[in-house]
Amino acid sequence: MKTPRILAIALITITAVSACKKDKMTVICDGSSPTYTSRIKAIINSNCTSSGCHPSYSTYAGLAGILGNGQFEREVLTNQSMPKNGNLSADELSKIKCWIENGHPEN
């Protein structure tokens, strides 16, 4: 019977994938006051503009929707699931945290 074998393979795959998840960092604002233009744009351009998995985040206007609905904060800081093909450093996460806490100013 193939069903037990398929279930065993599925269980092994799920276990392997979940074991590969990175540990989430505790993100604390370092007290800085970054703006999109002064610091955040460079982080986003380095990590979020070439994936092809979402709309263009290469401009402040392109981020407006996910900033307003909390998706950016949830995916980048809380879930730490973005960017998909890389990890942000503790310094980059801290700058983003400060930026969001300060109302994500553009300039």
C-alpha atoms as a PDB file:
ATOM      1  CA  MET A   1       0.000   0.000   0.000  1.00  0.00           C
ATOM      2  CA  LYS A   2       1.433   3.374  -1.033  1.00  0.00           C
ATOM      3  CA  THR A   3      -0.468   5.563   1.433  1.00  0.00           C
ATOM      4  CA  PRO A   4       1.783   4.918   4.486  1.00  0.00           C
ATOM      5  CA  ARG A   5       4.876   5.532   2.365  1.00  0.00           C
ATOM      6  CA  ILE A   6       3.470   8.798   1.010  1.00  0.00           C
ATOM      7  CA  LEU A   7       2.532   9.913   4.520  1.00  0.00           C
ATOM      8  CA  ALA A   8       6.010   9.064   5.789  1.00  0.00           C
ATOM      9  CA  ILE A   9       7.634  11.064   2.980  1.00  0.00           C
ATOM     10  CA  ALA A  10       5.310  14.005   3.646  1.00  0.00           C
ATOM     11  CA  LEU A  11       6.117  13.928   7.373  1.00  0.00           C
ATOM     12  CA  ILE A  12       9.852  13.837   6.720  1.00  0.00           C
ATOM     13  CA  THR A  13       9.561  16.728   4.256  1.00  0.00           C
ATOM     14  CA  ILE A  14       7.544  18.866   6.664  1.00  0.00           C
ATOM     15  CA  THR A  15       9.987  18.172   9.477  1.00  0.00           C
ATOM     16  CA  ALA A  16      12.979  19.022   7.306  1.00  0.00           C
ATOM     17  CA  VAL A  17      11.455  22.269   6.063  1.00  0.00           C
ATOM     18  CA  SER A  18      10.404  23.433   9.515  1.00  0.00           C
ATOM     19  CA  ALA A  19      13.871  22.654  10.903  1.00  0.00           C
ATOM     20  CA  CYS A  20      15.415  25.020   8.342  1.00  0.00           C
ATOM     21  CA  LYS A  21      13.549  28.096   9.529  1.00  0.00           C
ATOM     22  CA  LYS A  22      15.799  30.766  10.916  1.00  0.00           C
ATOM     23  CA  ASP A  23      15.491  31.962  14.475  1.00  0.00           C
ATOM     24  CA  LYS A  24      13.763  35.306  14.712  1.00  0.00           C
ATOM     25  CA  MET A  25      15.700  38.215  16.108  1.00  0.00           C
ATOM     26  CA  THR A  26      14.245  40.495  18.728  1.00  0.00           C
ATOM     27  CA  VAL A  27      14.068  43.843  16.984  1.00  0.00           C
ATOM     28  CA  ILE A  28      14.574  47.002  19.020  1.00  0.00           C
ATOM     29  CA  CYS A  29      14.767  50.546  17.703  1.00  0.00           C
ATOM     30  CA  ASP A  30      18.277  51.887  18.234  1.00  0.00           C
ATOM     31  CA  GLY A  31      16.965  55.416  18.842  1.00  0.00           C
ATOM     32  CA  SER A  32      17.772  56.712  15.381  1.00  0.00           C
ATOM     33  CA  SER A  33      15.368  58.662  13.178  1.00  0.00           C
ATOM     34  CA  PRO A  34      15.887  57.289   9.676  1.00  0.00           C
ATOM     35  CA  THR A  35      13.780  58.407   6.765  1.00  0.00           C
ATOM     36  CA  TYR A  36      12.986  56.464   3.630  1.00  0.00           C
ATOM     37  CA  THR A  37      15.327  58.664   1.609  1.00  0.00           C
ATOM     38  CA  SER A  38      18.213  58.768   4.100  1.00  0.00           C
ATOM     39  CA  ARG A  39      18.494  55.087   5.044  1.00  0.00           C
ATOM     40  CA  ILE A  40      15.559  52.781   4.293  1.00  0.00           C
ATOM     41  CA  LYS A  41      15.580  53.116   0.500  1.00  0.00           C
ATOM     42  CA  ALA A  42      19.101  51.655   0.357  1.00  0.00           C
ATOM     43  CA  ILE A  43      18.055  48.661   2.493  1.00  0.00           C
ATOM     44  CA  ILE A  44      14.986  48.030   0.351  1.00  0.00           C
ATOM     45  CA  ASN A  45      16.845  48.479  -2.927  1.00  0.00           C
ATOM     46  CA  SER A  46      19.496  46.000  -1.791  1.00  0.00           C
ATOM     47  CA  ASN A  47      17.050  43.368  -0.613  1.00  0.00           C
ATOM     48  CA  CYS A  48      13.535  43.815  -1.975  1.00  0.00           C
ATOM     49  CA  THR A  49      13.495  45.112  -5.533  1.00  0.00           C
ATOM     50  CA  SER A  50      14.731  42.208  -7.615  1.00  0.00           C
ATOM     51  CA  SER A  51      12.640  39.326  -6.295  1.00  0.00           C
ATOM     52  CA  GLY A  52       9.775  39.689  -8.770  1.00  0.00           C
ATOM     53  CA  CYS A  53       7.347  38.340  -6.177  1.00  0.00           C
ATOM     54  CA  HIS A  54       5.548  41.599  -5.372  1.00  0.00           C
ATOM     55  CA  PRO A  55       4.860  45.054  -6.818  1.00  0.00           C
ATOM     56  CA  SER A  56       7.690  47.523  -7.177  1.00  0.00           C
ATOM     57  CA  TYR A  57       9.048  48.609  -3.828  1.00  0.00           C
ATOM     58  CA  SER A  58      11.779  50.718  -5.384  1.00  0.00           C
ATOM     59  CA  THR A  59       9.865  53.920  -4.562  1.00  0.00           C
ATOM     60  CA  TYR A  60       8.203  55.266  -1.452  1.00  0.00           C
ATOM     61  CA  ALA A  61       4.878  55.389  -3.318  1.00  0.00           C
ATOM     62  CA  GLY A  62       5.268  51.705  -4.181  1.00  0.00           C
ATOM     63  CA  LEU A  63       5.430  50.874  -0.465  1.00  0.00           C
ATOM     64  CA  ALA A  64       2.451  53.017   0.552  1.00  0.00           C
ATOM     65  CA  GLY A  65      -0.149  50.248   0.530  1.00  0.00           C
ATOM     66  CA  ILE A  66       1.780  47.763   2.649  1.00  0.00           C
ATOM     67  CA  LEU A  67       2.973  50.475   5.020  1.00  0.00           C
ATOM     68  CA  GLY A  68      -0.574  51.668   5.604  1.00  0.00           C
ATOM     69  CA  ASN A  69      -2.094  48.247   6.233  1.00  0.00           C
ATOM     70  CA  GLY A  70       0.735  46.945   8.444  1.00  0.00           C
ATOM     71  CA  GLN A  71       1.853  44.214   6.040  1.00  0.00           C
ATOM     72  CA  PHE A  72       5.394  45.582   5.722  1.00  0.00           C
ATOM     73  CA  GLU A  73       5.916  45.611   9.496  1.00  0.00           C
ATOM     74  CA  ARG A  74       4.351  42.157   9.885  1.00  0.00           C
ATOM     75  CA  GLU A  75       6.414  40.478   7.153  1.00  0.00           C
ATOM     76  CA  VAL A  76       9.743  42.249   7.789  1.00  0.00           C
ATOM     77  CA  LEU A  77       9.826  42.727  11.563  1.00  0.00           C
ATOM     78  CA  THR A  78       7.315  40.375  13.166  1.00  0.00           C
ATOM     79  CA  ASN A  79       7.431  37.289  10.931  1.00  0.00           C
ATOM     80  CA  GLN A  80      10.883  38.110   9.535  1.00  0.00           C
ATOM     81  CA  SER A  81       9.808  36.275   6.401  1.00  0.00           C
ATOM     82  CA  MET A  82      10.997  38.972   4.008  1.00  0.00           C
ATOM     83  CA  PRO A  83      13.153  39.282   2.090  1.00  0.00           C
ATOM     84  CA  LYS A  84      12.785  35.714   0.910  1.00  0.00           C
ATOM     85  CA  ASN A  85      16.246  35.361  -0.589  1.00  0.00           C
ATOM     86  CA  GLY A  86      18.282  36.901   2.186  1.00  0.00           C
ATOM     87  CA  ASN A  87      18.459  38.002   5.766  1.00  0.00           C
ATOM     88  CA  LEU A  88      18.454  41.529   7.029  1.00  0.00           C
ATOM     89  CA  SER A  89      21.108  42.381   9.577  1.00  0.00           C
ATOM     90  CA  ALA A  90      20.221  43.365  13.132  1.00  0.00           C
ATOM     91  CA  ASP A  91      21.238  46.950  12.263  1.00  0.00           C
ATOM     92  CA  GLU A  92      18.970  47.020   9.202  1.00  0.00           C
ATOM     93  CA  LEU A  93      16.040  45.611  11.186  1.00  0.00           C
ATOM     94  CA  SER A  94      16.642  48.162  13.928  1.00  0.00           C
ATOM     95  CA  LYS A  95      16.627  51.035  11.429  1.00  0.00           C
ATOM     96  CA  ILE A  96      13.403  49.746   9.880  1.00  0.00           C
ATOM     97  CA  LYS A  97      11.833  49.411  13.345  1.00  0.00           C
ATOM     98  CA  CYS A  98      12.726  53.026  14.173  1.00  0.00           C
ATOM     99  CA  TRP A  99      11.431  54.190  10.798  1.00  0.00           C
ATOM    100  CA  ILE A 100       8.089  52.501  11.330  1.00  0.00           C
ATOM    101  CA  GLU A 101       7.800  53.692  14.937  1.00  0.00           C
ATOM    102  CA  ASN A 102       8.413  57.249  13.717  1.00  0.00           C
ATOM    103  CA  GLY A 103       5.567  57.033  11.189  1.00  0.00           C
ATOM    104  CA  HIS A 104       7.744  55.868   8.247  1.00  0.00           C
ATOM    105  CA  PRO A 105       8.684  59.378   7.010  1.00  0.00           C
ATOM    106  CA  GLU A 106       9.779  59.770   3.419  1.00  0.00           C
ATOM    107  CA  ASN A 107      12.266  62.636   3.838  1.00  0.00           C
END
